[in-house]
PDB file of all heavy atoms in Angstrom:
ATOM      1  N   LYS A   1     -44.515  27.499-229.251  1.00  0.00           N
ATOM      2  CA  LYS A   1     -43.814  28.610-228.601  1.00  0.00           C
ATOM      3  C   LYS A   1     -43.051  29.458-229.621  1.00  0.00           C
ATOM      4  O   LYS A   1     -42.966  30.682-229.484  1.00  0.00           O
ATOM      5  CB  LYS A   1     -42.896  28.084-227.500  1.00  0.00           C
ATOM      6  CG  LYS A   1     -43.693  27.572-226.307  1.00  0.00           C
ATOM      7  CD  LYS A   1     -42.833  26.975-225.225  1.00  0.00           C
ATOM      8  CE  LYS A   1     -43.705  26.483-224.078  1.00  0.00           C
ATOM      9  NZ  LYS A   1     -42.944  25.852-223.020  1.00  0.00           N
ATOM     10  N   TYR A   2     -42.531  28.819-230.650  1.00  0.00           N
ATOM     11  CA  TYR A   2     -41.858  29.581-231.705  1.00  0.00           C
ATOM     12  C   TYR A   2     -42.857  30.509-232.403  1.00  0.00           C
ATOM     13  O   TYR A   2     -42.571  31.693-232.605  1.00  0.00           O
ATOM     14  CB  TYR A   2     -41.215  28.636-232.734  1.00  0.00           C
ATOM     15  CG  TYR A   2     -40.614  29.379-233.900  1.00  0.00           C
ATOM     16  CD1 TYR A   2     -39.342  29.935-233.801  1.00  0.00           C
ATOM     17  CD2 TYR A   2     -41.331  29.567-235.069  1.00  0.00           C
ATOM     18  CE1 TYR A   2     -38.799  30.653-234.858  1.00  0.00           C
ATOM     19  CE2 TYR A   2     -40.799  30.281-236.130  1.00  0.00           C
ATOM     20  CZ  TYR A   2     -39.533  30.819-236.024  1.00  0.00           C
ATOM     21  OH  TYR A   2     -39.004  31.539-237.071  1.00  0.00           O
ATOM     22  N   LEU A   3     -44.010  29.975-232.771  1.00  0.00           N
ATOM     23  CA  LEU A   3     -45.031  30.792-233.430  1.00  0.00           C
ATOM     24  C   LEU A   3     -45.527  31.907-232.520  1.00  0.00           C
ATOM     25  O   LEU A   3     -45.773  33.024-232.968  1.00  0.00           O
ATOM     26  CB  LEU A   3     -46.194  29.916-233.895  1.00  0.00           C
ATOM     27  CG  LEU A   3     -45.876  28.952-235.032  1.00  0.00           C
ATOM     28  CD1 LEU A   3     -47.030  27.982-235.247  1.00  0.00           C
ATOM     29  CD2 LEU A   3     -45.533  29.693-236.303  1.00  0.00           C
ATOM     30  N   ASP A   4     -45.659  31.606-231.239  1.00  0.00           N
ATOM     31  CA  ASP A   4     -46.077  32.605-230.268  1.00  0.00           C
ATOM     32  C   ASP A   4     -45.071  33.759-230.224  1.00  0.00           C
ATOM     33  O   ASP A   4     -45.453  34.932-230.277  1.00  0.00           O
ATOM     34  CB  ASP A   4     -46.212  31.951-228.900  1.00  0.00           C
ATOM     35  CG  ASP A   4     -46.737  32.908-227.853  1.00  0.00           C
ATOM     36  OD1 ASP A   4     -47.789  33.534-228.090  1.00  0.00           O
ATOM     37  OD2 ASP A   4     -46.106  33.022-226.784  1.00  0.00           O
ATOM     38  N   ASP A   5     -43.778  33.421-230.150  1.00  0.00           N
ATOM     39  CA  ASP A   5     -42.738  34.458-230.144  1.00  0.00           C
ATOM     40  C   ASP A   5     -42.689  35.202-231.474  1.00  0.00           C
ATOM     41  O   ASP A   5     -42.595  36.428-231.499  1.00  0.00           O
ATOM     42  CB  ASP A   5     -41.356  33.843-229.869  1.00  0.00           C
ATOM     43  CG  ASP A   5     -41.191  33.383-228.427  1.00  0.00           C
ATOM     44  OD1 ASP A   5     -41.984  33.832-227.564  1.00  0.00           O
ATOM     45  OD2 ASP A   5     -40.283  32.569-228.178  1.00  0.00           O
ATOM     46  N   ARG A   6     -42.739  34.473-232.552  1.00  0.00           N
ATOM     47  CA  ARG A   6     -42.595  35.057-233.896  1.00  0.00           C
ATOM     48  C   ARG A   6     -43.685  36.073-234.196  1.00  0.00           C
ATOM     49  O   ARG A   6     -43.452  37.103-234.800  1.00  0.00           O
ATOM     50  CB  ARG A   6     -42.620  33.924-234.933  1.00  0.00           C
ATOM     51  CG  ARG A   6     -42.636  34.348-236.378  1.00  0.00           C
ATOM     52  CD  ARG A   6     -41.238  34.677-236.863  1.00  0.00           C
ATOM     53  NE  ARG A   6     -41.160  34.766-238.294  1.00  0.00           N
ATOM     54  CZ  ARG A   6     -41.480  35.844-238.997  1.00  0.00           C
ATOM     55  NH1 ARG A   6     -41.939  36.921-238.385  1.00  0.00           N
ATOM     56  NH2 ARG A   6     -41.349  35.856-240.307  1.00  0.00           N
ATOM     57  N   PHE A   7     -44.922  35.765-233.773  1.00  0.00           N
ATOM     58  CA  PHE A   7     -46.047  36.629-234.112  1.00  0.00           C
ATOM     59  C   PHE A   7     -46.594  37.411-232.917  1.00  0.00           C
ATOM     60  O   PHE A   7     -47.603  38.097-233.042  1.00  0.00           O
ATOM     61  CB  PHE A   7     -47.161  35.803-234.771  1.00  0.00           C
ATOM     62  CG  PHE A   7     -46.743  35.221-236.086  1.00  0.00           C
ATOM     63  CD1 PHE A   7     -46.442  33.883-236.199  1.00  0.00           C
ATOM     64  CD2 PHE A   7     -46.609  36.028-237.202  1.00  0.00           C
ATOM     65  CE1 PHE A   7     -46.033  33.340-237.400  1.00  0.00           C
ATOM     66  CE2 PHE A   7     -46.199  35.504-238.416  1.00  0.00           C
ATOM     67  CZ  PHE A   7     -45.907  34.158-238.520  1.00  0.00           C
ATOM     68  N   GLY A   8     -45.950  37.312-231.763  1.00  0.00           N
ATOM     69  CA  GLY A   8     -46.378  38.072-230.590  1.00  0.00           C
ATOM     70  C   GLY A   8     -47.805  37.780-230.179  1.00  0.00           C
ATOM     71  O   GLY A   8     -48.568  38.689-229.884  1.00  0.00           O
ATOM     72  N   LEU A   9     -48.172  36.512-230.151  1.00  0.00           N
ATOM     73  CA  LEU A   9     -49.555  36.125-229.869  1.00  0.00           C
ATOM     74  C   LEU A   9     -49.921  36.173-228.392  1.00  0.00           C
ATOM     75  O   LEU A   9     -51.090  36.243-228.043  1.00  0.00           O
ATOM     76  CB  LEU A   9     -49.819  34.713-230.419  1.00  0.00           C
ATOM     77  CG  LEU A   9     -49.580  34.548-231.918  1.00  0.00           C
ATOM     78  CD1 LEU A   9     -49.686  33.078-232.309  1.00  0.00           C
ATOM     79  CD2 LEU A   9     -50.550  35.402-232.709  1.00  0.00           C
ATOM     80  N   GLY A  10     -48.940  36.095-227.527  1.00  0.00           N
ATOM     81  CA  GLY A  10     -49.220  36.142-226.093  1.00  0.00           C
ATOM     82  C   GLY A  10     -49.890  34.888-225.558  1.00  0.00           C
ATOM     83  O   GLY A  10     -50.608  34.948-224.562  1.00  0.00           O
ATOM     84  N   LEU A  11     -49.670  33.753-226.199  1.00  0.00           N
ATOM     85  CA  LEU A  11     -50.309  32.503-225.779  1.00  0.00           C
ATOM     86  C   LEU A  11     -49.625  31.835-224.593  1.00  0.00           C
ATOM     87  O   LEU A  11     -50.206  30.980-223.945  1.00  0.00           O
ATOM     88  CB  LEU A  11     -50.362  31.517-226.953  1.00  0.00           C
ATOM     89  CG  LEU A  11     -51.163  31.974-228.163  1.00  0.00           C
ATOM     90  CD1 LEU A  11     -51.066  30.943-229.279  1.00  0.00           C
ATOM     91  CD2 LEU A  11     -52.607  32.242-227.791  1.00  0.00           C
ATOM     92  N   PHE A  12     -48.382  32.219-224.336  1.00  0.00           N
ATOM     93  CA  PHE A  12     -47.610  31.620-223.247  1.00  0.00           C
ATOM     94  C   PHE A  12     -47.097  32.701-222.295  1.00  0.00           C
ATOM     95  O   PHE A  12     -45.896  32.873-222.134  1.00  0.00           O
ATOM     96  CB  PHE A  12     -46.413  30.837-223.804  1.00  0.00           C
ATOM     97  CG  PHE A  12     -46.784  29.611-224.588  1.00  0.00           C
ATOM     98  CD1 PHE A  12     -46.908  29.666-225.965  1.00  0.00           C
ATOM     99  CD2 PHE A  12     -46.993  28.403-223.951  1.00  0.00           C
ATOM    100  CE1 PHE A  12     -47.235  28.533-226.703  1.00  0.00           C
ATOM    101  CE2 PHE A  12     -47.319  27.260-224.681  1.00  0.00           C
ATOM    102  CZ  PHE A  12     -47.445  27.335-226.056  1.00  0.00           C
ATOM    103  N   PRO A  13     -47.974  33.450-221.637  1.00  0.00           N
ATOM    104  CA  PRO A  13     -47.484  34.489-220.727  1.00  0.00           C
ATOM    105  C   PRO A  13     -46.749  33.861-219.549  1.00  0.00           C
ATOM    106  O   PRO A  13     -47.156  32.801-219.057  1.00  0.00           O
ATOM    107  CB  PRO A  13     -48.749  35.211-220.288  1.00  0.00           C
ATOM    108  CG  PRO A  13     -49.837  34.215-220.461  1.00  0.00           C
ATOM    109  CD  PRO A  13     -49.431  33.356-221.631  1.00  0.00           C
ATOM    110  N   PRO A  14     -45.677  34.490-219.102  1.00  0.00           N
ATOM    111  CA  PRO A  14     -44.907  33.937-217.975  1.00  0.00           C
ATOM    112  C   PRO A  14     -45.758  33.643-216.737  1.00  0.00           C
ATOM    113  O   PRO A  14     -45.509  32.665-216.036  1.00  0.00           O
ATOM    114  CB  PRO A  14     -43.869  35.017-217.690  1.00  0.00           C
ATOM    115  CG  PRO A  14     -43.717  35.750-218.988  1.00  0.00           C
ATOM    116  CD  PRO A  14     -45.077  35.723-219.634  1.00  0.00           C
ATOM    117  N   ALA A  15     -46.772  34.442-216.490  1.00  0.00           N
ATOM    118  CA  ALA A  15     -47.605  34.248-215.298  1.00  0.00           C
ATOM    119  C   ALA A  15     -48.380  32.925-215.322  1.00  0.00           C
ATOM    120  O   ALA A  15     -48.777  32.424-214.280  1.00  0.00           O
ATOM    121  CB  ALA A  15     -48.588  35.407-215.154  1.00  0.00           C
ATOM    122  N   LEU A  16     -48.560  32.345-216.517  1.00  0.00           N
ATOM    123  CA  LEU A  16     -49.321  31.094-216.634  1.00  0.00           C
ATOM    124  C   LEU A  16     -48.436  29.905-216.997  1.00  0.00           C
ATOM    125  O   LEU A  16     -48.939  28.809-217.250  1.00  0.00           O
ATOM    126  CB  LEU A  16     -50.415  31.243-217.695  1.00  0.00           C
ATOM    127  CG  LEU A  16     -51.484  32.292-217.417  1.00  0.00           C
ATOM    128  CD1 LEU A  16     -52.463  32.372-218.581  1.00  0.00           C
ATOM    129  CD2 LEU A  16     -52.216  31.986-216.121  1.00  0.00           C
ATOM    130  N   ALA A  17     -47.127  30.115-217.011  1.00  0.00           N
ATOM    131  CA  ALA A  17     -46.210  29.069-217.495  1.00  0.00           C
ATOM    132  C   ALA A  17     -46.403  27.737-216.776  1.00  0.00           C
ATOM    133  O   ALA A  17     -46.608  26.710-217.405  1.00  0.00           O
ATOM    134  CB  ALA A  17     -44.765  29.534-217.364  1.00  0.00           C
ATOM    135  N   GLY A  18     -46.354  27.705-215.504  1.00  0.00           N
ATOM    136  CA  GLY A  18     -46.492  26.442-214.784  1.00  0.00           C
ATOM    137  C   GLY A  18     -47.874  25.836-214.931  1.00  0.00           C
ATOM    138  O   GLY A  18     -48.021  24.625-215.105  1.00  0.00           O
ATOM    139  N   LEU A  19     -48.893  26.679-214.890  1.00  0.00           N
ATOM    140  CA  LEU A  19     -50.262  26.191-214.998  1.00  0.00           C
ATOM    141  C   LEU A  19     -50.524  25.578-216.370  1.00  0.00           C
ATOM    142  O   LEU A  19     -51.096  24.490-216.477  1.00  0.00           O
ATOM    143  CB  LEU A  19     -51.238  27.338-214.716  1.00  0.00           C
ATOM    144  CG  LEU A  19     -52.713  26.991-214.634  1.00  0.00           C
ATOM    145  CD1 LEU A  19     -52.953  25.866-213.622  1.00  0.00           C
ATOM    146  CD2 LEU A  19     -53.503  28.227-214.252  1.00  0.00           C
ATOM    147  N   GLN A  20     -50.106  26.248-217.419  1.00  0.00           N
ATOM    148  CA  GLN A  20     -50.307  25.681-218.751  1.00  0.00           C
ATOM    149  C   GLN A  20     -49.506  24.401-218.932  1.00  0.00           C
ATOM    150  O   GLN A  20     -49.970  23.457-219.570  1.00  0.00           O
ATOM    151  CB  GLN A  20     -49.956  26.700-219.849  1.00  0.00           C
ATOM    152  CG  GLN A  20     -50.967  27.826-219.933  1.00  0.00           C
ATOM    153  CD  GLN A  20     -50.987  28.475-221.283  1.00  0.00           C
ATOM    154  OE1 GLN A  20     -51.877  28.201-222.060  1.00  0.00           O
ATOM    155  NE2 GLN A  20     -50.004  29.328-221.576  1.00  0.00           N
ATOM    156  N   ASP A  21     -48.316  24.352-218.344  1.00  0.00           N
ATOM    157  CA  ASP A  21     -47.496  23.142-218.446  1.00  0.00           C
ATOM    158  C   ASP A  21     -48.159  21.954-217.743  1.00  0.00           C
ATOM    159  O   ASP A  21     -47.911  20.804-218.105  1.00  0.00           O
ATOM    160  CB  ASP A  21     -46.102  23.381-217.863  1.00  0.00           C
ATOM    161  CG  ASP A  21     -45.255  24.277-218.754  1.00  0.00           C
ATOM    162  OD1 ASP A  21     -45.605  24.458-219.935  1.00  0.00           O
ATOM    163  OD2 ASP A  21     -44.240  24.798-218.260  1.00  0.00           O
ATOM    164  N   LEU A  22     -48.988  22.212-216.758  1.00  0.00           N
ATOM    165  CA  LEU A  22     -49.748  21.142-216.112  1.00  0.00           C
ATOM    166  C   LEU A  22     -50.963  20.731-216.940  1.00  0.00           C
ATOM    167  O   LEU A  22     -51.323  19.549-216.981  1.00  0.00           O
ATOM    168  CB  LEU A  22     -50.224  21.585-214.726  1.00  0.00           C
ATOM    169  CG  LEU A  22     -49.165  21.722-213.646  1.00  0.00           C
ATOM    170  CD1 LEU A  22     -49.771  22.369-212.403  1.00  0.00           C
ATOM    171  CD2 LEU A  22     -48.566  20.375-213.311  1.00  0.00           C
ATOM    172  N   LEU A  23     -51.593  21.706-217.587  1.00  0.00           N
ATOM    173  CA  LEU A  23     -52.846  21.441-218.287  1.00  0.00           C
ATOM    174  C   LEU A  23     -52.697  20.802-219.662  1.00  0.00           C
ATOM    175  O   LEU A  23     -53.439  19.888-220.001  1.00  0.00           O
ATOM    176  CB  LEU A  23     -53.650  22.740-218.427  1.00  0.00           C
ATOM    177  CG  LEU A  23     -54.298  23.257-217.165  1.00  0.00           C
ATOM    178  CD1 LEU A  23     -54.906  24.629-217.397  1.00  0.00           C
ATOM    179  CD2 LEU A  23     -55.346  22.280-216.672  1.00  0.00           C
ATOM    180  N   TRP A  24     -51.757  21.308-220.474  1.00  0.00           N
ATOM    181  CA  TRP A  24     -51.749  20.792-221.845  1.00  0.00           C
ATOM    182  C   TRP A  24     -51.414  19.312-221.948  1.00  0.00           C
ATOM    183  O   TRP A  24     -51.971  18.623-222.803  1.00  0.00           O
ATOM    184  CB  TRP A  24     -50.927  21.678-222.796  1.00  0.00           C
ATOM    185  CG  TRP A  24     -49.440  21.648-222.667  1.00  0.00           C
ATOM    186  CD1 TRP A  24     -48.658  22.604-222.097  1.00  0.00           C
ATOM    187  CD2 TRP A  24     -48.551  20.631-223.139  1.00  0.00           C
ATOM    188  NE1 TRP A  24     -47.344  22.228-222.158  1.00  0.00           N
ATOM    189  CE2 TRP A  24     -47.246  21.024-222.809  1.00  0.00           C
ATOM    190  CE3 TRP A  24     -48.721  19.424-223.799  1.00  0.00           C
ATOM    191  CZ2 TRP A  24     -46.135  20.254-223.119  1.00  0.00           C
ATOM    192  CZ3 TRP A  24     -47.614  18.662-224.106  1.00  0.00           C
ATOM    193  CH2 TRP A  24     -46.337  19.089-223.760  1.00  0.00           C
ATOM    194  N   PRO A  25     -50.569  18.730-221.072  1.00  0.00           N
ATOM    195  CA  PRO A  25     -50.393  17.271-221.161  1.00  0.00           C
ATOM    196  C   PRO A  25     -51.681  16.488-220.855  1.00  0.00           C
ATOM    197  O   PRO A  25     -51.910  15.427-221.424  1.00  0.00           O
ATOM    198  CB  PRO A  25     -49.299  16.967-220.132  1.00  0.00           C
ATOM    199  CG  PRO A  25     -48.545  18.253-220.005  1.00  0.00           C
ATOM    200  CD  PRO A  25     -49.595  19.324-220.133  1.00  0.00           C
ATOM    201  N   VAL A  26     -52.518  17.011-219.987  1.00  0.00           N
ATOM    202  CA  VAL A  26     -53.804  16.367-219.710  1.00  0.00           C
ATOM    203  C   VAL A  26     -54.675  16.413-220.970  1.00  0.00           C
ATOM    204  O   VAL A  26     -55.294  15.418-221.356  1.00  0.00           O
ATOM    205  CB  VAL A  26     -54.523  17.053-218.525  1.00  0.00           C
ATOM    206  CG1 VAL A  26     -55.946  16.542-218.368  1.00  0.00           C
ATOM    207  CG2 VAL A  26     -53.728  16.872-217.251  1.00  0.00           C
ATOM    208  N   ILE A  27     -54.693  17.559-221.614  1.00  0.00           N
ATOM    209  CA  ILE A  27     -55.473  17.714-222.841  1.00  0.00           C
ATOM    210  C   ILE A  27     -54.962  16.760-223.913  1.00  0.00           C
ATOM    211  O   ILE A  27     -55.745  16.087-224.589  1.00  0.00           O
ATOM    212  CB  ILE A  27     -55.419  19.177-223.334  1.00  0.00           C
ATOM    213  CG1 ILE A  27     -56.128  20.104-222.342  1.00  0.00           C
ATOM    214  CG2 ILE A  27     -56.005  19.302-224.737  1.00  0.00           C
ATOM    215  CD1 ILE A  27     -55.880  21.582-222.556  1.00  0.00           C
TER     216      ILE A  27
END
């Protein structure tokens, strides 16, 4: 998340926050 903010990568858009939080622990 720091790298995402620092470089403006858009990897953690607010619209996907809950969904990604469910998926990445499974991965």
